[in-house]
Amino acid sequence: MSPVKEVTMNGFNEIIQTIKGAQAQFPNQQHRVSLVTFNGLGIRTVLDNRLAADILPLSDNTYTPDASTPLYDAIGRSLLRLEFQTEGETDPTVLVSILTDGDENASREFRGGNVKSLVDRLTARGWSFTYMGANHAVESVAASLSIKTSVRFETNQNSMNELFEKDRKGRLSYFHKRSQGMSSKDAEKDYWDQK
């Protein structure tokens, strides 16, 4: 993600602003955010189940892309942590967005089959997953992990801006539908097709 570091930080920061706005618009929903980054230097939890209102923007100090992609380890660790954090909740709304500019090439703890099992279990609990990727077989990787929604992007500013704009619109629509009592599965329909 190094070539698009700035646009990625800006896009994420704008999504946080969208989530903060949704918190104000739907006060009966509690919006929390976790952010896990991963690269050749390791896997780092930048935000851990933090209330949206308390989140500061990403900066050069908090987001450092680098070579190699321990994708399965990052997904596996993150999902187990989120599952533990939501264990006592009845009907939590969990949107998992995976963003990567490369295919798995450095995991040591998890294999694709382990991640697929986690995704299957959590999807059955109503969690929503989106796999957003570039520079690899995005649709095939998502399908191999049981993730039904995949979005391909190019590692350039225009493509990334479009990706983040669609995600913001989809999130707002999703939060609105959930506020009206829709299930996660129904609320995620047309997530990526908002005008």
N, C-alpha and C. Protein backbone atom coordinates (compact mmCIF):
# COMPACT_ATOMS: atom_id res chain seq x y z
N MET A 1 0.81 -1.19 0.00
CA MET A 1 0.00 0.00 0.00
C MET A 1 0.86 1.26 0.00
N SER A 2 2.17 1.09 -0.03
CA SER A 2 3.04 2.26 0.00
C SER A 2 2.75 3.28 -1.09
N PRO A 3 2.49 2.86 -2.36
CA PRO A 3 2.25 3.85 -3.40
C PRO A 3 0.99 4.69 -3.15
N VAL A 4 0.07 4.17 -2.36
CA VAL A 4 -1.19 4.90 -2.10
C VAL A 4 -1.38 5.15 -0.61
N LYS A 5 -0.28 5.33 0.09
CA LYS A 5 -0.35 5.52 1.54
C LYS A 5 -1.21 6.72 1.92
N GLU A 6 -0.98 7.86 1.29
CA GLU A 6 -1.71 9.08 1.67
C GLU A 6 -3.19 8.95 1.38
N VAL A 7 -3.55 8.43 0.21
CA VAL A 7 -4.97 8.31 -0.12
C VAL A 7 -5.64 7.26 0.77
N THR A 8 -4.90 6.23 1.18
CA THR A 8 -5.45 5.23 2.10
C THR A 8 -5.72 5.85 3.46
N MET A 9 -4.77 6.62 3.97
CA MET A 9 -4.98 7.29 5.26
C MET A 9 -6.17 8.25 5.17
N ASN A 10 -6.22 9.04 4.11
CA ASN A 10 -7.33 9.99 3.95
C ASN A 10 -8.67 9.26 3.85
N GLY A 11 -8.70 8.18 3.08
CA GLY A 11 -9.93 7.42 2.93
C GLY A 11 -10.40 6.83 4.25
N PHE A 12 -9.47 6.25 5.00
CA PHE A 12 -9.84 5.70 6.31
C PHE A 12 -10.34 6.80 7.24
N ASN A 13 -9.64 7.92 7.25
CA ASN A 13 -10.06 9.03 8.11
C ASN A 13 -11.45 9.54 7.74
N GLU A 14 -11.77 9.55 6.46
CA GLU A 14 -13.11 9.97 6.04
C GLU A 14 -14.16 8.95 6.46
N ILE A 15 -13.81 7.67 6.41
CA ILE A 15 -14.74 6.64 6.88
C ILE A 15 -15.00 6.83 8.37
N ILE A 16 -13.98 7.16 9.14
CA ILE A 16 -14.17 7.41 10.57
C ILE A 16 -15.12 8.58 10.77
N GLN A 17 -14.98 9.63 9.97
CA GLN A 17 -15.90 10.76 10.07
C GLN A 17 -17.33 10.32 9.74
N THR A 18 -17.48 9.43 8.77
CA THR A 18 -18.80 8.90 8.42
C THR A 18 -19.38 8.12 9.60
N ILE A 19 -18.56 7.31 10.25
CA ILE A 19 -19.01 6.54 11.40
C ILE A 19 -19.39 7.46 12.55
N LYS A 20 -18.61 8.50 12.77
CA LYS A 20 -18.95 9.47 13.82
C LYS A 20 -20.28 10.16 13.50
N GLY A 21 -20.50 10.49 12.23
CA GLY A 21 -21.77 11.09 11.83
C GLY A 21 -22.93 10.13 12.01
N ALA A 22 -22.69 8.86 11.71
CA ALA A 22 -23.74 7.85 11.91
C ALA A 22 -24.07 7.68 13.39
N GLN A 23 -23.06 7.79 14.24
CA GLN A 23 -23.30 7.71 15.69
C GLN A 23 -24.25 8.81 16.13
N ALA A 24 -24.05 10.02 15.60
CA ALA A 24 -24.93 11.14 15.94
C ALA A 24 -26.32 10.94 15.34
N GLN A 25 -26.37 10.42 14.12
CA GLN A 25 -27.65 10.23 13.43
C GLN A 25 -28.45 9.06 14.02
N PHE A 26 -27.77 8.05 14.48
CA PHE A 26 -28.42 6.85 15.04
C PHE A 26 -27.90 6.63 16.46
N PRO A 27 -28.33 7.46 17.42
CA PRO A 27 -27.76 7.40 18.77
C PRO A 27 -28.03 6.09 19.50
N ASN A 28 -29.00 5.31 19.05
CA ASN A 28 -29.27 4.03 19.69
C ASN A 28 -28.27 2.95 19.27
N GLN A 29 -27.44 3.25 18.27
CA GLN A 29 -26.39 2.34 17.84
C GLN A 29 -25.07 2.79 18.47
N GLN A 30 -24.30 1.84 18.96
CA GLN A 30 -22.99 2.18 19.50
C GLN A 30 -21.94 1.76 18.48
N HIS A 31 -21.21 2.73 17.95
CA HIS A 31 -20.24 2.46 16.89
C HIS A 31 -18.84 2.38 17.48
N ARG A 32 -18.21 1.22 17.29
CA ARG A 32 -16.84 0.98 17.73
C ARG A 32 -16.02 0.57 16.52
N VAL A 33 -14.74 0.85 16.58
CA VAL A 33 -13.86 0.56 15.44
C VAL A 33 -12.60 -0.13 15.93
N SER A 34 -12.20 -1.16 15.18
CA SER A 34 -10.89 -1.78 15.37
C SER A 34 -10.15 -1.64 14.05
N LEU A 35 -8.86 -1.39 14.13
CA LEU A 35 -8.03 -1.31 12.93
C LEU A 35 -6.76 -2.09 13.19
N VAL A 36 -6.51 -3.05 12.33
CA VAL A 36 -5.29 -3.85 12.41
C VAL A 36 -4.53 -3.66 11.11
N THR A 37 -3.29 -3.25 11.21
CA THR A 37 -2.44 -3.11 10.02
C THR A 37 -1.45 -4.27 10.00
N PHE A 38 -1.01 -4.62 8.80
CA PHE A 38 -0.08 -5.74 8.69
C PHE A 38 0.86 -5.48 7.52
N ASN A 39 2.11 -5.84 7.74
CA ASN A 39 3.13 -5.70 6.70
C ASN A 39 4.32 -6.58 7.08
N GLY A 40 5.41 -6.40 6.38
CA GLY A 40 6.59 -7.21 6.62
C GLY A 40 7.20 -7.05 8.00
N LEU A 41 6.83 -5.98 8.69
CA LEU A 41 7.35 -5.75 10.04
C LEU A 41 6.49 -6.39 11.11
N GLY A 42 5.30 -6.85 10.74
CA GLY A 42 4.43 -7.51 11.69
C GLY A 42 2.98 -7.07 11.58
N ILE A 43 2.21 -7.49 12.55
CA ILE A 43 0.78 -7.20 12.63
C ILE A 43 0.59 -6.29 13.83
N ARG A 44 -0.10 -5.17 13.62
CA ARG A 44 -0.21 -4.16 14.67
C ARG A 44 -1.66 -3.73 14.84
N THR A 45 -2.16 -3.79 16.06
CA THR A 45 -3.49 -3.28 16.36
C THR A 45 -3.37 -1.79 16.64
N VAL A 46 -3.88 -0.99 15.73
CA VAL A 46 -3.83 0.46 15.86
C VAL A 46 -5.02 0.95 16.69
N LEU A 47 -6.19 0.38 16.44
CA LEU A 47 -7.41 0.70 17.21
C LEU A 47 -8.02 -0.61 17.67
N ASP A 48 -8.36 -0.69 18.94
CA ASP A 48 -8.91 -1.93 19.49
C ASP A 48 -10.27 -1.67 20.11
N ASN A 49 -11.34 -1.90 19.32
CA ASN A 49 -12.71 -1.78 19.82
C ASN A 49 -12.95 -0.39 20.43
N ARG A 50 -12.46 0.64 19.77
CA ARG A 50 -12.52 2.01 20.27
C ARG A 50 -13.82 2.68 19.85
N LEU A 51 -14.43 3.43 20.77
CA LEU A 51 -15.61 4.22 20.43
C LEU A 51 -15.24 5.19 19.31
N ALA A 52 -16.11 5.30 18.31
CA ALA A 52 -15.82 6.14 17.16
C ALA A 52 -15.50 7.58 17.57
N ALA A 53 -16.21 8.10 18.55
CA ALA A 53 -16.01 9.48 18.98
C ALA A 53 -14.60 9.73 19.51
N ASP A 54 -13.91 8.69 19.96
CA ASP A 54 -12.59 8.84 20.57
C ASP A 54 -11.43 8.63 19.59
N ILE A 55 -11.72 8.40 18.32
CA ILE A 55 -10.67 8.03 17.37
C ILE A 55 -10.04 9.27 16.75
N LEU A 56 -8.72 9.28 16.77
CA LEU A 56 -7.95 10.34 16.12
C LEU A 56 -7.61 9.89 14.70
N PRO A 57 -7.37 10.82 13.79
CA PRO A 57 -7.04 10.45 12.42
C PRO A 57 -5.74 9.64 12.33
N LEU A 58 -5.68 8.77 11.32
CA LEU A 58 -4.43 8.08 11.03
C LEU A 58 -3.39 9.10 10.60
N SER A 59 -2.15 8.80 10.88
CA SER A 59 -1.05 9.69 10.49
C SER A 59 0.13 8.83 10.05
N ASP A 60 1.20 9.49 9.64
CA ASP A 60 2.42 8.76 9.26
C ASP A 60 2.95 7.91 10.41
N ASN A 61 2.69 8.32 11.64
CA ASN A 61 3.16 7.58 12.81
C ASN A 61 2.33 6.33 13.09
N THR A 62 1.06 6.33 12.69
CA THR A 62 0.18 5.21 13.02
C THR A 62 -0.07 4.28 11.85
N TYR A 63 0.32 4.66 10.64
CA TYR A 63 0.11 3.81 9.47
C TYR A 63 1.37 3.77 8.63
N THR A 64 2.03 2.60 8.59
CA THR A 64 3.28 2.44 7.86
C THR A 64 3.24 1.18 7.01
N PRO A 65 2.85 1.30 5.74
CA PRO A 65 2.87 0.11 4.87
C PRO A 65 4.30 -0.30 4.56
N ASP A 66 4.49 -1.58 4.29
CA ASP A 66 5.81 -2.10 3.99
C ASP A 66 5.64 -3.39 3.20
N ALA A 67 6.72 -3.99 2.78
CA ALA A 67 6.69 -5.19 1.97
C ALA A 67 6.14 -6.39 2.73
N SER A 68 5.69 -7.36 2.00
CA SER A 68 5.13 -8.66 2.39
C SER A 68 3.75 -8.54 3.04
N THR A 69 3.03 -9.66 2.98
CA THR A 69 1.61 -9.64 3.34
C THR A 69 1.24 -10.85 4.19
N PRO A 70 1.31 -10.75 5.52
CA PRO A 70 0.83 -11.84 6.38
C PRO A 70 -0.69 -11.75 6.53
N LEU A 71 -1.38 -11.88 5.40
CA LEU A 71 -2.82 -11.65 5.33
C LEU A 71 -3.61 -12.59 6.23
N TYR A 72 -3.35 -13.89 6.15
CA TYR A 72 -4.12 -14.85 6.95
C TYR A 72 -3.91 -14.64 8.45
N ASP A 73 -2.69 -14.35 8.85
CA ASP A 73 -2.42 -14.11 10.27
C ASP A 73 -3.18 -12.86 10.75
N ALA A 74 -3.16 -11.81 9.95
CA ALA A 74 -3.85 -10.58 10.34
C ALA A 74 -5.35 -10.80 10.44
N ILE A 75 -5.93 -11.50 9.47
CA ILE A 75 -7.37 -11.76 9.50
C ILE A 75 -7.70 -12.68 10.67
N GLY A 76 -6.97 -13.78 10.81
CA GLY A 76 -7.27 -14.75 11.86
C GLY A 76 -7.19 -14.15 13.25
N ARG A 77 -6.10 -13.45 13.54
CA ARG A 77 -5.95 -12.82 14.85
C ARG A 77 -7.07 -11.81 15.11
N SER A 78 -7.35 -10.99 14.10
CA SER A 78 -8.36 -9.94 14.26
C SER A 78 -9.75 -10.52 14.51
N LEU A 79 -10.10 -11.55 13.75
CA LEU A 79 -11.43 -12.15 13.92
C LEU A 79 -11.58 -12.81 15.29
N LEU A 80 -10.55 -13.51 15.74
CA LEU A 80 -10.62 -14.12 17.07
C LEU A 80 -10.78 -13.05 18.15
N ARG A 81 -10.05 -11.96 18.02
CA ARG A 81 -10.14 -10.87 18.99
C ARG A 81 -11.54 -10.25 18.98
N LEU A 82 -12.07 -9.96 17.78
CA LEU A 82 -13.41 -9.38 17.68
C LEU A 82 -14.48 -10.34 18.19
N GLU A 83 -14.30 -11.62 17.92
CA GLU A 83 -15.27 -12.60 18.41
C GLU A 83 -15.29 -12.61 19.93
N PHE A 84 -14.10 -12.57 20.54
CA PHE A 84 -14.01 -12.51 21.99
C PHE A 84 -14.67 -11.25 22.54
N GLN A 85 -14.43 -10.11 21.89
CA GLN A 85 -14.97 -8.83 22.37
C GLN A 85 -16.48 -8.74 22.25
N THR A 86 -17.08 -9.48 21.33
CA THR A 86 -18.53 -9.42 21.14
C THR A 86 -19.25 -10.63 21.72
N GLU A 87 -18.52 -11.46 22.42
CA GLU A 87 -19.04 -12.74 22.92
C GLU A 87 -20.33 -12.61 23.74
N GLY A 88 -20.40 -11.63 24.61
CA GLY A 88 -21.55 -11.49 25.48
C GLY A 88 -22.71 -10.70 24.88
N GLU A 89 -22.53 -10.16 23.69
CA GLU A 89 -23.56 -9.33 23.08
C GLU A 89 -24.58 -10.18 22.34
N THR A 90 -25.83 -9.75 22.39
CA THR A 90 -26.85 -10.43 21.62
C THR A 90 -27.07 -9.62 20.34
N ASP A 91 -26.89 -10.25 19.22
CA ASP A 91 -27.09 -9.64 17.92
C ASP A 91 -26.18 -8.43 17.66
N PRO A 92 -24.85 -8.60 17.81
CA PRO A 92 -23.97 -7.47 17.48
C PRO A 92 -23.93 -7.25 15.97
N THR A 93 -23.76 -6.01 15.57
CA THR A 93 -23.57 -5.69 14.16
C THR A 93 -22.08 -5.54 13.94
N VAL A 94 -21.52 -6.41 13.11
CA VAL A 94 -20.08 -6.39 12.88
C VAL A 94 -19.83 -6.35 11.37
N LEU A 95 -19.19 -5.27 10.92
CA LEU A 95 -18.77 -5.13 9.52
C LEU A 95 -17.26 -5.33 9.49
N VAL A 96 -16.81 -6.33 8.77
CA VAL A 96 -15.38 -6.59 8.64
C VAL A 96 -14.97 -6.22 7.23
N SER A 97 -14.07 -5.25 7.11
CA SER A 97 -13.55 -4.81 5.82
C SER A 97 -12.07 -5.14 5.76
N ILE A 98 -11.69 -5.95 4.79
CA ILE A 98 -10.30 -6.36 4.62
C ILE A 98 -9.77 -5.65 3.39
N LEU A 99 -8.71 -4.89 3.55
CA LEU A 99 -8.13 -4.09 2.46
C LEU A 99 -6.67 -4.48 2.29
N THR A 100 -6.31 -4.96 1.10
CA THR A 100 -4.93 -5.38 0.86
C THR A 100 -4.55 -5.13 -0.60
N ASP A 101 -3.30 -4.79 -0.81
CA ASP A 101 -2.83 -4.60 -2.18
C ASP A 101 -1.98 -5.79 -2.64
N GLY A 102 -2.10 -6.90 -1.93
CA GLY A 102 -1.33 -8.08 -2.35
C GLY A 102 -1.89 -9.35 -1.75
N ASP A 103 -1.46 -10.45 -2.30
CA ASP A 103 -1.90 -11.77 -1.87
C ASP A 103 -1.08 -12.23 -0.66
N GLU A 104 -1.63 -13.16 0.05
CA GLU A 104 -0.95 -13.78 1.19
C GLU A 104 0.44 -14.27 0.77
N ASN A 105 1.46 -13.92 1.60
CA ASN A 105 2.79 -14.44 1.31
C ASN A 105 3.69 -14.52 2.54
N ALA A 106 3.13 -14.33 3.75
CA ALA A 106 4.03 -14.29 4.91
C ALA A 106 3.42 -14.80 6.21
N SER A 107 2.24 -15.42 6.18
CA SER A 107 1.62 -15.87 7.43
C SER A 107 2.34 -17.09 8.00
N ARG A 108 2.34 -17.17 9.35
CA ARG A 108 2.98 -18.28 10.04
C ARG A 108 2.02 -19.04 10.95
N GLU A 109 0.94 -18.36 11.38
CA GLU A 109 0.03 -18.97 12.34
C GLU A 109 -1.23 -19.55 11.69
N PHE A 110 -1.76 -18.89 10.68
CA PHE A 110 -3.03 -19.27 10.08
C PHE A 110 -2.84 -19.66 8.62
N ARG A 111 -3.66 -20.59 8.19
CA ARG A 111 -3.74 -20.97 6.78
C ARG A 111 -5.12 -20.54 6.28
N GLY A 112 -5.29 -20.57 4.97
CA GLY A 112 -6.56 -20.17 4.39
C GLY A 112 -7.74 -20.95 4.96
N GLY A 113 -7.57 -22.24 5.17
CA GLY A 113 -8.66 -23.06 5.71
C GLY A 113 -9.09 -22.63 7.11
N ASN A 114 -8.11 -22.21 7.94
CA ASN A 114 -8.44 -21.70 9.28
C ASN A 114 -9.28 -20.44 9.19
N VAL A 115 -8.88 -19.53 8.30
CA VAL A 115 -9.61 -18.27 8.13
C VAL A 115 -11.00 -18.54 7.59
N LYS A 116 -11.11 -19.45 6.62
CA LYS A 116 -12.41 -19.81 6.05
C LYS A 116 -13.36 -20.33 7.14
N SER A 117 -12.87 -21.18 8.01
CA SER A 117 -13.70 -21.70 9.11
C SER A 117 -14.19 -20.58 10.02
N LEU A 118 -13.30 -19.64 10.34
CA LEU A 118 -13.69 -18.49 11.16
C LEU A 118 -14.76 -17.65 10.47
N VAL A 119 -14.55 -17.37 9.19
CA VAL A 119 -15.52 -16.57 8.43
C VAL A 119 -16.86 -17.29 8.37
N ASP A 120 -16.86 -18.58 8.12
CA ASP A 120 -18.12 -19.35 8.08
C ASP A 120 -18.86 -19.23 9.41
N ARG A 121 -18.14 -19.43 10.51
CA ARG A 121 -18.76 -19.38 11.84
C ARG A 121 -19.33 -17.99 12.13
N LEU A 122 -18.59 -16.96 11.80
CA LEU A 122 -19.02 -15.60 12.12
C LEU A 122 -20.11 -15.10 11.17
N THR A 123 -20.07 -15.54 9.93
CA THR A 123 -21.15 -15.21 8.99
C THR A 123 -22.46 -15.80 9.49
N ALA A 124 -22.40 -17.00 10.03
CA ALA A 124 -23.61 -17.64 10.59
C ALA A 124 -24.16 -16.84 11.77
N ARG A 125 -23.30 -16.05 12.44
CA ARG A 125 -23.75 -15.19 13.55
C ARG A 125 -24.23 -13.83 13.06
N GLY A 126 -24.21 -13.60 11.74
CA GLY A 126 -24.71 -12.35 11.19
C GLY A 126 -23.65 -11.32 10.87
N TRP A 127 -22.38 -11.68 10.95
CA TRP A 127 -21.32 -10.74 10.62
C TRP A 127 -21.27 -10.53 9.11
N SER A 128 -20.85 -9.35 8.67
CA SER A 128 -20.73 -9.02 7.25
C SER A 128 -19.26 -8.84 6.90
N PHE A 129 -18.85 -9.41 5.77
CA PHE A 129 -17.46 -9.38 5.34
C PHE A 129 -17.34 -8.80 3.94
N THR A 130 -16.33 -7.98 3.74
CA THR A 130 -15.97 -7.50 2.41
C THR A 130 -14.46 -7.62 2.26
N TYR A 131 -14.05 -8.18 1.13
CA TYR A 131 -12.63 -8.32 0.81
C TYR A 131 -12.33 -7.35 -0.33
N MET A 132 -11.49 -6.34 -0.05
CA MET A 132 -11.12 -5.34 -1.05
C MET A 132 -9.65 -5.53 -1.38
N GLY A 133 -9.34 -5.75 -2.67
CA GLY A 133 -7.96 -6.05 -2.99
C GLY A 133 -7.50 -5.53 -4.33
N ALA A 134 -6.19 -5.52 -4.49
CA ALA A 134 -5.53 -5.12 -5.73
C ALA A 134 -4.32 -6.02 -5.97
N ASN A 135 -3.93 -6.12 -7.21
CA ASN A 135 -2.69 -6.80 -7.62
C ASN A 135 -2.68 -8.31 -7.36
N HIS A 136 -3.84 -8.92 -7.26
CA HIS A 136 -3.91 -10.38 -7.14
C HIS A 136 -5.32 -10.84 -7.51
N ALA A 137 -5.57 -12.13 -7.45
CA ALA A 137 -6.86 -12.71 -7.84
C ALA A 137 -7.89 -12.47 -6.73
N VAL A 138 -8.39 -11.25 -6.65
CA VAL A 138 -9.24 -10.80 -5.55
C VAL A 138 -10.46 -11.69 -5.37
N GLU A 139 -11.20 -11.93 -6.44
CA GLU A 139 -12.43 -12.71 -6.35
C GLU A 139 -12.16 -14.14 -5.89
N SER A 140 -11.10 -14.74 -6.40
CA SER A 140 -10.75 -16.12 -6.02
C SER A 140 -10.33 -16.21 -4.56
N VAL A 141 -9.53 -15.25 -4.10
CA VAL A 141 -9.09 -15.27 -2.71
C VAL A 141 -10.29 -15.09 -1.79
N ALA A 142 -11.16 -14.13 -2.10
CA ALA A 142 -12.35 -13.91 -1.27
C ALA A 142 -13.20 -15.18 -1.21
N ALA A 143 -13.44 -15.80 -2.36
CA ALA A 143 -14.25 -17.02 -2.41
C ALA A 143 -13.60 -18.15 -1.60
N SER A 144 -12.28 -18.25 -1.66
CA SER A 144 -11.58 -19.31 -0.91
C SER A 144 -11.70 -19.12 0.60
N LEU A 145 -12.01 -17.88 1.02
CA LEU A 145 -12.17 -17.58 2.45
C LEU A 145 -13.64 -17.49 2.86
N SER A 146 -14.55 -17.88 1.94
CA SER A 146 -16.00 -17.82 2.17
C SER A 146 -16.53 -16.40 2.29
N ILE A 147 -15.81 -15.44 1.72
CA ILE A 147 -16.26 -14.06 1.73
C ILE A 147 -16.97 -13.81 0.40
N LYS A 148 -18.27 -13.52 0.49
CA LYS A 148 -19.09 -13.40 -0.71
C LYS A 148 -18.95 -12.06 -1.42
N THR A 149 -18.58 -11.02 -0.69
CA THR A 149 -18.46 -9.70 -1.28
C THR A 149 -16.99 -9.35 -1.46
N SER A 150 -16.62 -9.13 -2.72
CA SER A 150 -15.24 -8.72 -3.00
C SER A 150 -15.28 -7.52 -3.93
N VAL A 151 -14.31 -6.65 -3.76
CA VAL A 151 -14.20 -5.44 -4.56
C VAL A 151 -12.75 -5.30 -5.00
N ARG A 152 -12.57 -5.14 -6.28
CA ARG A 152 -11.22 -4.95 -6.84
C ARG A 152 -10.96 -3.46 -7.00
N PHE A 153 -9.75 -3.03 -6.66
CA PHE A 153 -9.35 -1.65 -6.88
C PHE A 153 -7.96 -1.62 -7.49
N GLU A 154 -7.61 -0.50 -8.04
CA GLU A 154 -6.26 -0.28 -8.58
C GLU A 154 -5.49 0.57 -7.57
N THR A 155 -4.20 0.39 -7.52
CA THR A 155 -3.40 1.15 -6.56
C THR A 155 -3.01 2.50 -7.15
N ASN A 156 -4.06 3.31 -7.35
CA ASN A 156 -3.87 4.70 -7.77
C ASN A 156 -4.90 5.56 -7.04
N GLN A 157 -4.67 6.84 -7.05
CA GLN A 157 -5.50 7.75 -6.26
C GLN A 157 -6.97 7.72 -6.68
N ASN A 158 -7.26 7.76 -7.98
CA ASN A 158 -8.65 7.78 -8.43
C ASN A 158 -9.41 6.53 -8.00
N SER A 159 -8.81 5.38 -8.21
CA SER A 159 -9.46 4.12 -7.85
C SER A 159 -9.69 4.02 -6.34
N MET A 160 -8.69 4.43 -5.56
CA MET A 160 -8.82 4.38 -4.10
C MET A 160 -9.89 5.36 -3.61
N ASN A 161 -9.91 6.57 -4.18
CA ASN A 161 -10.95 7.54 -3.80
C ASN A 161 -12.34 6.98 -4.08
N GLU A 162 -12.50 6.35 -5.23
CA GLU A 162 -13.79 5.76 -5.60
C GLU A 162 -14.16 4.63 -4.62
N LEU A 163 -13.20 3.81 -4.28
CA LEU A 163 -13.43 2.72 -3.33
C LEU A 163 -13.94 3.25 -1.99
N PHE A 164 -13.23 4.24 -1.45
CA PHE A 164 -13.61 4.78 -0.14
C PHE A 164 -14.95 5.52 -0.20
N GLU A 165 -15.23 6.19 -1.29
CA GLU A 165 -16.52 6.88 -1.43
C GLU A 165 -17.67 5.87 -1.45
N LYS A 166 -17.51 4.79 -2.20
CA LYS A 166 -18.54 3.74 -2.23
C LYS A 166 -18.72 3.12 -0.85
N ASP A 167 -17.60 2.91 -0.14
CA ASP A 167 -17.69 2.32 1.19
C ASP A 167 -18.44 3.24 2.14
N ARG A 168 -18.16 4.54 2.10
CA ARG A 168 -18.86 5.49 2.98
C ARG A 168 -20.37 5.48 2.71
N LYS A 169 -20.75 5.51 1.45
CA LYS A 169 -22.18 5.50 1.10
C LYS A 169 -22.83 4.19 1.54
N GLY A 170 -22.13 3.10 1.32
CA GLY A 170 -22.65 1.79 1.73
C GLY A 170 -22.84 1.70 3.24
N ARG A 171 -21.88 2.21 3.98
CA ARG A 171 -21.97 2.19 5.45
C ARG A 171 -23.18 2.96 5.94
N LEU A 172 -23.36 4.17 5.41
CA LEU A 172 -24.51 4.98 5.85
C LEU A 172 -25.82 4.28 5.55
N SER A 173 -25.92 3.68 4.37
CA SER A 173 -27.13 2.94 4.02
C SER A 173 -27.32 1.75 4.97
N TYR A 174 -26.23 1.04 5.24
CA TYR A 174 -26.27 -0.12 6.14
C TYR A 174 -26.74 0.30 7.54
N PHE A 175 -26.15 1.35 8.10
CA PHE A 175 -26.53 1.80 9.44
C PHE A 175 -28.00 2.22 9.47
N HIS A 176 -28.45 2.89 8.41
CA HIS A 176 -29.86 3.32 8.33
C HIS A 176 -30.79 2.10 8.33
N LYS A 177 -30.46 1.12 7.51
CA LYS A 177 -31.29 -0.09 7.43
C LYS A 177 -31.31 -0.83 8.77
N ARG A 178 -30.16 -0.92 9.43
CA ARG A 178 -30.12 -1.59 10.73
C ARG A 178 -30.95 -0.83 11.76
N SER A 179 -30.96 0.51 11.66
CA SER A 179 -31.75 1.31 12.61
C SER A 179 -33.25 1.06 12.43
N GLN A 180 -33.62 0.57 11.25
CA GLN A 180 -35.02 0.26 10.98
C GLN A 180 -35.36 -1.19 11.28
N GLY A 181 -34.41 -1.91 11.88
CA GLY A 181 -34.68 -3.28 12.31
C GLY A 181 -34.30 -4.36 11.33
N MET A 182 -33.69 -4.01 10.21
CA MET A 182 -33.29 -5.03 9.24
C MET A 182 -32.16 -5.88 9.81
N SER A 183 -32.11 -7.13 9.38
CA SER A 183 -31.00 -8.00 9.77
C SER A 183 -29.74 -7.54 9.05
N SER A 184 -28.60 -7.96 9.55
CA SER A 184 -27.33 -7.62 8.89
C SER A 184 -27.32 -8.10 7.45
N LYS A 185 -27.82 -9.31 7.24
CA LYS A 185 -27.82 -9.89 5.90
C LYS A 185 -28.64 -9.04 4.93
N ASP A 186 -29.83 -8.61 5.37
CA ASP A 186 -30.67 -7.77 4.51
C ASP A 186 -30.08 -6.38 4.35
N ALA A 187 -29.49 -5.83 5.42
CA ALA A 187 -28.95 -4.47 5.37
C ALA A 187 -27.74 -4.36 4.45
N GLU A 188 -27.01 -5.46 4.27
CA GLU A 188 -25.82 -5.38 3.44
C GLU A 188 -26.11 -5.51 1.95
N LYS A 189 -27.34 -5.81 1.58
CA LYS A 189 -27.71 -5.88 0.16
C LYS A 189 -27.51 -4.51 -0.47
N ASP A 190 -26.93 -4.48 -1.63
CA ASP A 190 -26.68 -3.25 -2.39
C ASP A 190 -25.70 -2.31 -1.68
N TYR A 191 -24.93 -2.80 -0.74
CA TYR A 191 -23.95 -1.99 -0.01
C TYR A 191 -23.06 -1.21 -0.97
N TRP A 192 -22.56 -1.89 -2.00
CA TRP A 192 -21.60 -1.28 -2.92
C TRP A 192 -22.25 -0.62 -4.13
N ASP A 193 -23.60 -0.55 -4.14
CA ASP A 193 -24.31 0.03 -5.27
C ASP A 193 -25.10 1.28 -4.92
N GLN A 194 -24.71 1.97 -3.86
CA GLN A 194 -25.42 3.19 -3.46
C GLN A 194 -25.07 4.32 -4.41
N LYS A 195 -26.03 5.17 -4.70
CA LYS A 195 -25.80 6.33 -5.58
C LYS A 195 -25.56 7.57 -4.78
